[in-house]
């Protein structure tokens, strides 16, 4: 899949089949995240892979809009070494696009109870944890095209040289 095609066709998927994702595909997704760019090459992330159904359900309870984690084949918790880092968005995007290229759907989930989630996953106290990605095979094929009106028009978003 070409990169621009992946970006154009990627959809957030929140319902997954029970089919497990092979470990070699999980590793390829993780490797895409590991290789993402970061400011001054700080690589301020670690990843915790969660496949256990009970743990996924407990993790889903740590976010107001994270219920989809409980039905995922696996989740990747992105653990930060810095409290604020735009680099986390980079690694999340790389992993989601790699997954999509490999036929695996995904959706981001925010963790609203980070201390509870850190305890659940054994994350050291000095680390930061607010982002998790759910992955799996979509239970329904994603839409071919975005919902009508789902994206603002190019000329409404882009300003050349100044506002």
N, C-alpha and C. Protein backbone atom coordinates (compact mmCIF):
# COMPACT_ATOMS: atom_id res chain seq x y z
N UNK A 1 0.85 -1.17 0.00
CA UNK A 1 0.00 0.00 0.00
C UNK A 1 0.90 1.24 0.00
N UNK A 2 0.56 2.19 -0.81
CA UNK A 2 1.30 3.45 -0.83
C UNK A 2 0.92 4.28 0.40
N UNK A 3 1.85 5.08 0.88
CA UNK A 3 1.62 5.87 2.10
C UNK A 3 0.40 6.76 1.99
N UNK A 4 0.27 7.49 0.91
CA UNK A 4 -0.88 8.40 0.76
C UNK A 4 -2.20 7.63 0.69
N UNK A 5 -2.18 6.43 0.11
CA UNK A 5 -3.38 5.60 0.10
C UNK A 5 -3.74 5.16 1.51
N UNK A 6 -2.73 4.79 2.30
CA UNK A 6 -2.98 4.40 3.69
C UNK A 6 -3.59 5.55 4.47
N UNK A 7 -3.06 6.73 4.30
CA UNK A 7 -3.58 7.91 5.01
C UNK A 7 -5.02 8.20 4.57
N UNK A 8 -5.27 8.09 3.27
CA UNK A 8 -6.60 8.40 2.74
C UNK A 8 -7.64 7.37 3.17
N UNK A 9 -7.27 6.11 3.29
CA UNK A 9 -8.26 5.05 3.55
C UNK A 9 -8.33 4.60 5.01
N UNK A 10 -7.40 4.99 5.84
CA UNK A 10 -7.39 4.58 7.25
C UNK A 10 -8.63 5.11 7.96
N UNK A 11 -9.30 4.24 8.69
CA UNK A 11 -10.47 4.62 9.47
C UNK A 11 -10.29 4.12 10.90
N UNK A 12 -10.86 4.83 11.86
CA UNK A 12 -10.88 4.37 13.25
C UNK A 12 -11.89 3.24 13.35
N UNK A 13 -11.44 2.09 13.83
CA UNK A 13 -12.30 0.91 13.97
C UNK A 13 -12.38 0.55 15.45
N UNK A 14 -13.59 0.38 15.96
CA UNK A 14 -13.79 0.11 17.37
C UNK A 14 -14.40 -1.25 17.66
N UNK A 15 -14.71 -2.02 16.62
CA UNK A 15 -15.27 -3.36 16.80
C UNK A 15 -14.43 -4.36 16.00
N UNK A 16 -14.00 -5.41 16.72
CA UNK A 16 -13.05 -6.36 16.14
C UNK A 16 -13.58 -7.78 16.20
N UNK A 17 -13.05 -8.63 15.33
CA UNK A 17 -13.36 -10.06 15.38
C UNK A 17 -12.55 -10.69 16.52
N UNK A 18 -12.79 -11.97 16.76
CA UNK A 18 -12.03 -12.71 17.78
C UNK A 18 -10.72 -13.26 17.23
N UNK A 19 -10.44 -13.03 15.95
CA UNK A 19 -9.25 -13.58 15.32
C UNK A 19 -7.99 -12.94 15.92
N UNK A 20 -7.06 -13.76 16.42
CA UNK A 20 -5.82 -13.19 16.95
C UNK A 20 -4.94 -12.64 15.83
N UNK A 21 -4.15 -11.66 16.17
CA UNK A 21 -3.18 -11.10 15.22
C UNK A 21 -1.86 -11.82 15.45
N UNK A 22 -1.26 -12.38 14.40
CA UNK A 22 0.00 -13.12 14.56
C UNK A 22 1.11 -12.24 15.17
N UNK A 23 1.97 -12.88 15.94
CA UNK A 23 3.02 -12.14 16.63
C UNK A 23 3.95 -11.41 15.67
N UNK A 24 4.23 -11.99 14.50
CA UNK A 24 5.12 -11.30 13.56
C UNK A 24 4.51 -9.97 13.08
N UNK A 25 3.19 -9.91 12.99
CA UNK A 25 2.54 -8.67 12.60
C UNK A 25 2.57 -7.68 13.76
N UNK A 26 2.34 -8.16 14.97
CA UNK A 26 2.43 -7.29 16.15
C UNK A 26 3.83 -6.70 16.24
N UNK A 27 4.84 -7.51 16.02
CA UNK A 27 6.23 -7.04 16.08
C UNK A 27 6.51 -6.00 14.99
N UNK A 28 5.95 -6.20 13.80
CA UNK A 28 6.15 -5.23 12.72
C UNK A 28 5.51 -3.88 13.09
N UNK A 29 4.33 -3.93 13.71
CA UNK A 29 3.66 -2.70 14.15
C UNK A 29 4.50 -1.99 15.21
N UNK A 30 4.97 -2.75 16.19
CA UNK A 30 5.82 -2.17 17.24
C UNK A 30 7.10 -1.58 16.67
N UNK A 31 7.68 -2.26 15.71
CA UNK A 31 8.92 -1.77 15.10
C UNK A 31 8.69 -0.46 14.36
N UNK A 32 7.51 -0.31 13.74
CA UNK A 32 7.18 0.96 13.07
C UNK A 32 7.15 2.09 14.10
N UNK A 33 6.56 1.83 15.25
CA UNK A 33 6.53 2.84 16.31
C UNK A 33 7.92 3.15 16.85
N UNK A 34 8.71 2.11 17.04
CA UNK A 34 10.08 2.28 17.54
C UNK A 34 10.92 3.12 16.59
N UNK A 35 10.64 3.02 15.31
CA UNK A 35 11.44 3.73 14.31
C UNK A 35 10.92 5.13 13.99
N UNK A 36 9.83 5.55 14.62
CA UNK A 36 9.29 6.87 14.31
C UNK A 36 10.24 7.96 14.77
N UNK A 37 10.09 9.11 14.17
CA UNK A 37 10.98 10.23 14.50
C UNK A 37 10.65 10.79 15.87
N UNK A 38 11.65 11.39 16.48
CA UNK A 38 11.45 12.07 17.76
C UNK A 38 12.41 13.24 17.85
N UNK A 39 12.01 14.24 18.61
CA UNK A 39 12.83 15.43 18.79
C UNK A 39 14.18 15.06 19.38
N UNK A 40 15.23 15.47 18.71
CA UNK A 40 16.62 15.22 19.13
C UNK A 40 16.89 13.73 19.36
N UNK A 41 16.12 12.88 18.68
CA UNK A 41 16.24 11.42 18.79
C UNK A 41 16.11 10.94 20.23
N UNK A 42 15.26 11.60 21.02
CA UNK A 42 15.09 11.23 22.42
C UNK A 42 14.34 9.91 22.60
N UNK A 43 13.51 9.55 21.63
CA UNK A 43 12.73 8.31 21.69
C UNK A 43 12.08 8.15 23.07
N UNK A 44 11.20 9.09 23.45
CA UNK A 44 10.65 9.12 24.81
C UNK A 44 9.50 8.14 25.03
N UNK A 45 9.63 6.91 24.54
CA UNK A 45 8.54 5.96 24.65
C UNK A 45 9.03 4.57 25.00
N UNK A 46 8.14 3.84 25.60
CA UNK A 46 8.23 2.39 25.78
C UNK A 46 6.83 1.88 25.46
N UNK A 47 6.73 0.62 25.10
CA UNK A 47 5.44 0.05 24.72
C UNK A 47 5.13 -1.16 25.59
N UNK A 48 3.89 -1.26 26.04
CA UNK A 48 3.42 -2.44 26.74
C UNK A 48 2.33 -3.05 25.87
N UNK A 49 2.56 -4.30 25.44
CA UNK A 49 1.59 -5.02 24.62
C UNK A 49 0.66 -5.79 25.55
N UNK A 50 -0.64 -5.60 25.36
CA UNK A 50 -1.63 -6.28 26.20
C UNK A 50 -2.51 -7.15 25.31
N UNK A 51 -2.49 -8.46 25.57
CA UNK A 51 -3.32 -9.40 24.82
C UNK A 51 -4.34 -10.11 25.70
N UNK A 52 -4.10 -10.13 26.98
CA UNK A 52 -4.97 -10.82 27.93
C UNK A 52 -6.34 -10.12 27.98
N UNK A 53 -7.41 -10.87 27.74
CA UNK A 53 -8.76 -10.29 27.65
C UNK A 53 -9.15 -9.58 28.95
N UNK A 54 -8.90 -10.20 30.09
CA UNK A 54 -9.28 -9.57 31.37
C UNK A 54 -8.53 -8.26 31.58
N UNK A 55 -7.26 -8.24 31.22
CA UNK A 55 -6.46 -7.02 31.37
C UNK A 55 -6.94 -5.95 30.40
N UNK A 56 -7.30 -6.34 29.18
CA UNK A 56 -7.85 -5.37 28.22
C UNK A 56 -9.13 -4.75 28.76
N UNK A 57 -9.97 -5.55 29.37
CA UNK A 57 -11.21 -5.03 29.95
C UNK A 57 -10.93 -4.06 31.09
N UNK A 58 -9.96 -4.39 31.93
CA UNK A 58 -9.58 -3.50 33.03
C UNK A 58 -9.00 -2.19 32.50
N UNK A 59 -8.19 -2.30 31.46
CA UNK A 59 -7.60 -1.10 30.86
C UNK A 59 -8.69 -0.22 30.24
N UNK A 60 -9.67 -0.85 29.60
CA UNK A 60 -10.78 -0.10 29.00
C UNK A 60 -11.53 0.71 30.05
N UNK A 61 -11.58 0.22 31.26
CA UNK A 61 -12.28 0.92 32.34
C UNK A 61 -11.51 2.14 32.84
N UNK A 62 -10.29 2.34 32.35
CA UNK A 62 -9.46 3.49 32.77
C UNK A 62 -9.64 4.71 31.87
N UNK A 63 -10.54 4.62 30.90
CA UNK A 63 -10.78 5.74 30.00
C UNK A 63 -12.26 5.91 29.75
N UNK A 64 -12.72 7.15 29.69
CA UNK A 64 -14.14 7.41 29.47
C UNK A 64 -14.63 6.94 28.10
N UNK A 65 -13.76 6.93 27.12
CA UNK A 65 -14.14 6.54 25.76
C UNK A 65 -13.20 5.45 25.25
N UNK A 66 -12.89 4.49 26.10
CA UNK A 66 -11.91 3.45 25.77
C UNK A 66 -12.52 2.05 25.75
N UNK A 67 -13.83 1.95 25.68
CA UNK A 67 -14.50 0.64 25.72
C UNK A 67 -14.02 -0.30 24.62
N UNK A 68 -13.62 0.26 23.49
CA UNK A 68 -13.17 -0.57 22.37
C UNK A 68 -11.91 -1.38 22.70
N UNK A 69 -11.16 -0.99 23.71
CA UNK A 69 -9.99 -1.76 24.11
C UNK A 69 -10.37 -3.18 24.54
N UNK A 70 -11.53 -3.32 25.16
CA UNK A 70 -11.93 -4.62 25.69
C UNK A 70 -12.20 -5.65 24.60
N UNK A 71 -12.50 -5.22 23.39
CA UNK A 71 -12.76 -6.15 22.30
C UNK A 71 -11.61 -6.30 21.32
N UNK A 72 -10.51 -5.62 21.58
CA UNK A 72 -9.36 -5.65 20.66
C UNK A 72 -8.62 -6.98 20.77
N UNK A 73 -7.94 -7.35 19.70
CA UNK A 73 -7.07 -8.53 19.74
C UNK A 73 -5.87 -8.25 20.64
N UNK A 74 -5.41 -7.01 20.59
CA UNK A 74 -4.34 -6.57 21.48
C UNK A 74 -4.35 -5.05 21.54
N UNK A 75 -3.69 -4.52 22.54
CA UNK A 75 -3.53 -3.08 22.67
C UNK A 75 -2.06 -2.79 22.92
N UNK A 76 -1.66 -1.60 22.55
CA UNK A 76 -0.31 -1.13 22.85
C UNK A 76 -0.46 0.13 23.69
N UNK A 77 0.03 0.03 24.92
CA UNK A 77 0.08 1.19 25.80
C UNK A 77 1.38 1.92 25.50
N UNK A 78 1.27 3.21 25.22
CA UNK A 78 2.45 4.02 24.92
C UNK A 78 2.85 4.73 26.21
N UNK A 79 3.98 4.32 26.75
CA UNK A 79 4.46 4.86 28.02
C UNK A 79 5.49 5.94 27.70
N UNK A 80 5.32 7.10 28.32
CA UNK A 80 6.17 8.25 28.03
C UNK A 80 7.19 8.47 29.14
N UNK A 81 8.40 8.85 28.74
CA UNK A 81 9.41 9.22 29.73
C UNK A 81 9.35 10.72 30.03
N UNK A 82 8.64 11.46 29.18
CA UNK A 82 8.44 12.90 29.39
C UNK A 82 6.95 13.15 29.56
N UNK A 83 6.59 14.08 30.45
CA UNK A 83 5.17 14.34 30.68
C UNK A 83 4.47 14.83 29.42
N UNK A 84 5.11 15.77 28.73
CA UNK A 84 4.52 16.28 27.49
C UNK A 84 5.50 16.01 26.35
N UNK A 85 4.99 15.33 25.35
CA UNK A 85 5.84 15.02 24.21
C UNK A 85 4.98 14.84 22.98
N UNK A 86 5.15 15.72 22.00
CA UNK A 86 4.42 15.57 20.74
C UNK A 86 4.90 14.35 19.98
N UNK A 87 6.04 13.80 20.38
CA UNK A 87 6.59 12.62 19.72
C UNK A 87 5.67 11.40 19.88
N UNK A 88 4.85 11.38 20.92
CA UNK A 88 3.95 10.25 21.14
C UNK A 88 2.94 10.17 20.00
N UNK A 89 2.51 11.31 19.50
CA UNK A 89 1.61 11.32 18.35
C UNK A 89 2.27 10.72 17.12
N UNK A 90 3.56 10.97 16.97
CA UNK A 90 4.30 10.41 15.84
C UNK A 90 4.32 8.88 15.91
N UNK A 91 4.70 8.36 17.07
CA UNK A 91 4.82 6.91 17.18
C UNK A 91 3.46 6.23 17.06
N UNK A 92 2.41 6.87 17.60
CA UNK A 92 1.06 6.31 17.47
C UNK A 92 0.63 6.27 16.00
N UNK A 93 0.88 7.33 15.28
CA UNK A 93 0.51 7.39 13.87
C UNK A 93 1.28 6.35 13.05
N UNK A 94 2.58 6.22 13.31
CA UNK A 94 3.37 5.24 12.57
C UNK A 94 2.82 3.83 12.80
N UNK A 95 2.50 3.51 14.06
CA UNK A 95 1.99 2.16 14.35
C UNK A 95 0.64 1.92 13.70
N UNK A 96 -0.24 2.92 13.73
CA UNK A 96 -1.56 2.75 13.13
C UNK A 96 -1.47 2.60 11.61
N UNK A 97 -0.61 3.38 10.98
CA UNK A 97 -0.47 3.25 9.52
C UNK A 97 0.20 1.93 9.14
N UNK A 98 1.17 1.48 9.91
CA UNK A 98 1.80 0.18 9.65
C UNK A 98 0.76 -0.93 9.79
N UNK A 99 -0.05 -0.85 10.83
CA UNK A 99 -1.09 -1.86 11.05
C UNK A 99 -2.05 -1.89 9.86
N UNK A 100 -2.50 -0.73 9.43
CA UNK A 100 -3.44 -0.64 8.31
C UNK A 100 -2.83 -1.26 7.05
N UNK A 101 -1.56 -0.98 6.82
CA UNK A 101 -0.86 -1.56 5.67
C UNK A 101 -0.81 -3.09 5.76
N UNK A 102 -0.81 -3.62 6.97
CA UNK A 102 -0.75 -5.06 7.20
C UNK A 102 -2.14 -5.69 7.35
N UNK A 103 -3.20 -4.89 7.11
CA UNK A 103 -4.56 -5.41 7.17
C UNK A 103 -5.18 -5.42 8.56
N UNK A 104 -4.56 -4.72 9.50
CA UNK A 104 -5.04 -4.68 10.88
C UNK A 104 -5.63 -3.30 11.15
N UNK A 105 -6.81 -3.27 11.72
CA UNK A 105 -7.47 -2.00 12.06
C UNK A 105 -7.05 -1.54 13.44
N UNK A 106 -7.33 -0.27 13.74
CA UNK A 106 -6.92 0.28 15.03
C UNK A 106 -7.76 1.48 15.41
N UNK A 107 -7.64 1.87 16.68
CA UNK A 107 -8.28 3.08 17.17
C UNK A 107 -7.54 3.53 18.43
N UNK A 108 -7.31 4.81 18.55
CA UNK A 108 -6.64 5.37 19.72
C UNK A 108 -7.63 5.43 20.89
N UNK A 109 -7.09 5.35 22.10
CA UNK A 109 -7.90 5.48 23.32
C UNK A 109 -7.12 6.31 24.33
N UNK A 110 -7.79 7.28 24.92
CA UNK A 110 -7.17 8.10 25.96
C UNK A 110 -7.41 7.47 27.32
N UNK A 111 -6.39 7.50 28.15
CA UNK A 111 -6.48 6.96 29.50
C UNK A 111 -6.75 8.13 30.45
N UNK A 112 -7.90 8.11 31.12
CA UNK A 112 -8.29 9.18 32.02
C UNK A 112 -7.91 8.90 33.47
N UNK A 113 -7.55 7.65 33.75
CA UNK A 113 -7.11 7.27 35.09
C UNK A 113 -5.71 6.68 34.98
N UNK A 114 -4.71 7.54 34.71
CA UNK A 114 -3.37 7.02 34.43
C UNK A 114 -2.73 6.26 35.59
N UNK A 115 -2.95 6.67 36.80
CA UNK A 115 -2.32 5.98 37.93
C UNK A 115 -2.87 4.56 38.06
N UNK A 116 -4.17 4.43 37.90
CA UNK A 116 -4.80 3.10 37.94
C UNK A 116 -4.27 2.23 36.79
N UNK A 117 -4.17 2.80 35.60
CA UNK A 117 -3.68 2.07 34.43
C UNK A 117 -2.21 1.69 34.60
N UNK A 118 -1.42 2.58 35.15
CA UNK A 118 0.00 2.28 35.38
C UNK A 118 0.14 1.11 36.35
N UNK A 119 -0.66 1.11 37.39
CA UNK A 119 -0.61 0.02 38.37
C UNK A 119 -1.01 -1.30 37.70
N UNK A 120 -2.04 -1.27 36.89
CA UNK A 120 -2.52 -2.45 36.18
C UNK A 120 -1.43 -3.07 35.31
N UNK A 121 -0.63 -2.21 34.65
CA UNK A 121 0.40 -2.68 33.72
C UNK A 121 1.80 -2.72 34.34
N UNK A 122 1.94 -2.35 35.60
CA UNK A 122 3.25 -2.38 36.25
C UNK A 122 4.20 -1.31 35.75
N UNK A 123 3.66 -0.20 35.32
CA UNK A 123 4.47 0.91 34.78
C UNK A 123 5.12 1.66 35.95
N UNK A 124 6.42 1.94 35.86
CA UNK A 124 7.09 2.68 36.94
C UNK A 124 6.43 4.03 37.21
N UNK A 125 6.45 4.43 38.48
CA UNK A 125 5.77 5.64 38.93
C UNK A 125 6.25 6.90 38.21
N UNK A 126 7.52 6.97 37.84
CA UNK A 126 8.06 8.19 37.22
C UNK A 126 7.70 8.33 35.74
N UNK A 127 7.06 7.32 35.17
CA UNK A 127 6.65 7.38 33.76
C UNK A 127 5.26 7.98 33.63
N UNK A 128 4.89 8.36 32.41
CA UNK A 128 3.61 8.97 32.10
C UNK A 128 2.86 8.08 31.11
N UNK A 129 1.54 7.99 31.29
CA UNK A 129 0.75 7.08 30.47
C UNK A 129 -0.63 7.66 30.23
N UNK A 130 -0.90 8.08 29.01
CA UNK A 130 -2.22 8.61 28.66
C UNK A 130 -2.76 8.09 27.33
N UNK A 131 -1.96 7.33 26.59
CA UNK A 131 -2.35 6.92 25.25
C UNK A 131 -2.22 5.42 25.06
N UNK A 132 -3.28 4.83 24.55
CA UNK A 132 -3.30 3.40 24.22
C UNK A 132 -3.89 3.25 22.83
N UNK A 133 -3.42 2.26 22.10
CA UNK A 133 -3.95 1.94 20.78
C UNK A 133 -4.56 0.55 20.81
N UNK A 134 -5.79 0.42 20.31
CA UNK A 134 -6.45 -0.88 20.17
C UNK A 134 -6.22 -1.37 18.75
N UNK A 135 -5.96 -2.68 18.61
CA UNK A 135 -5.72 -3.27 17.30
C UNK A 135 -6.51 -4.57 17.15
N UNK A 136 -6.89 -4.88 15.93
CA UNK A 136 -7.55 -6.14 15.63
C UNK A 136 -8.07 -6.13 14.21
N UNK A 137 -8.67 -7.25 13.83
CA UNK A 137 -9.29 -7.33 12.52
C UNK A 137 -10.73 -6.80 12.64
N UNK A 138 -11.08 -5.88 11.78
CA UNK A 138 -12.39 -5.22 11.84
C UNK A 138 -13.53 -6.24 11.71
N UNK A 139 -14.55 -6.10 12.56
CA UNK A 139 -15.70 -6.99 12.48
C UNK A 139 -16.58 -6.66 11.26
N UNK A 140 -16.48 -5.43 10.78
CA UNK A 140 -17.17 -5.00 9.56
C UNK A 140 -16.15 -4.29 8.68
N UNK A 141 -16.28 -4.41 7.37
CA UNK A 141 -15.32 -3.69 6.52
C UNK A 141 -15.46 -2.18 6.73
N UNK A 142 -14.34 -1.49 6.90
CA UNK A 142 -14.41 -0.03 7.04
C UNK A 142 -15.00 0.60 5.79
N UNK A 143 -15.62 1.75 5.97
CA UNK A 143 -16.20 2.48 4.83
C UNK A 143 -15.14 2.76 3.78
N UNK A 144 -15.56 2.68 2.56
CA UNK A 144 -14.67 3.03 1.46
C UNK A 144 -14.32 4.51 1.48
N UNK A 145 -15.33 5.32 1.76
CA UNK A 145 -15.16 6.77 1.77
C UNK A 145 -15.57 7.30 3.14
N UNK A 146 -15.00 8.42 3.56
CA UNK A 146 -15.43 9.00 4.83
C UNK A 146 -16.90 9.41 4.80
N UNK A 147 -17.47 9.54 5.97
CA UNK A 147 -18.85 10.01 6.05
C UNK A 147 -18.96 11.36 5.34
N UNK A 148 -20.08 11.60 4.66
CA UNK A 148 -20.25 12.91 4.00
C UNK A 148 -20.10 14.04 5.02
N UNK A 149 -19.33 15.03 4.65
CA UNK A 149 -19.12 16.17 5.53
C UNK A 149 -18.17 15.91 6.68
N UNK A 150 -17.51 14.75 6.69
CA UNK A 150 -16.63 14.38 7.81
C UNK A 150 -15.32 15.16 7.82
N UNK A 151 -14.90 15.64 6.70
CA UNK A 151 -13.64 16.39 6.60
C UNK A 151 -13.89 17.77 6.05
N UNK A 152 -13.25 18.74 6.66
CA UNK A 152 -13.35 20.10 6.14
C UNK A 152 -12.68 20.15 4.77
N UNK A 153 -13.16 21.01 3.92
CA UNK A 153 -12.61 21.16 2.57
C UNK A 153 -11.17 21.67 2.65
N UNK A 154 -10.35 21.26 1.71
CA UNK A 154 -8.95 21.64 1.65
C UNK A 154 -8.77 23.15 1.78
N UNK A 155 -9.52 23.91 0.97
CA UNK A 155 -9.37 25.37 0.97
C UNK A 155 -9.89 26.03 2.25
N UNK A 156 -10.69 25.32 3.02
CA UNK A 156 -11.14 25.84 4.32
C UNK A 156 -10.09 25.64 5.41
N UNK A 157 -9.17 24.75 5.19
CA UNK A 157 -8.17 24.39 6.20
C UNK A 157 -6.81 25.01 5.91
N UNK A 158 -6.47 25.13 4.64
CA UNK A 158 -5.11 25.55 4.24
C UNK A 158 -5.09 27.04 3.97
N UNK A 159 -4.09 27.71 4.55
CA UNK A 159 -3.86 29.14 4.35
C UNK A 159 -2.43 29.27 3.84
N UNK A 160 -2.24 30.00 2.78
CA UNK A 160 -0.92 30.16 2.17
C UNK A 160 -0.28 31.46 2.64
N UNK A 161 0.90 31.35 3.17
CA UNK A 161 1.73 32.46 3.62
C UNK A 161 1.23 33.18 4.86
N UNK A 162 -0.06 33.39 4.98
CA UNK A 162 -0.64 34.02 6.17
C UNK A 162 -2.10 33.63 6.26
N UNK A 163 -2.74 33.94 7.36
CA UNK A 163 -4.14 33.61 7.53
C UNK A 163 -4.94 34.42 6.57
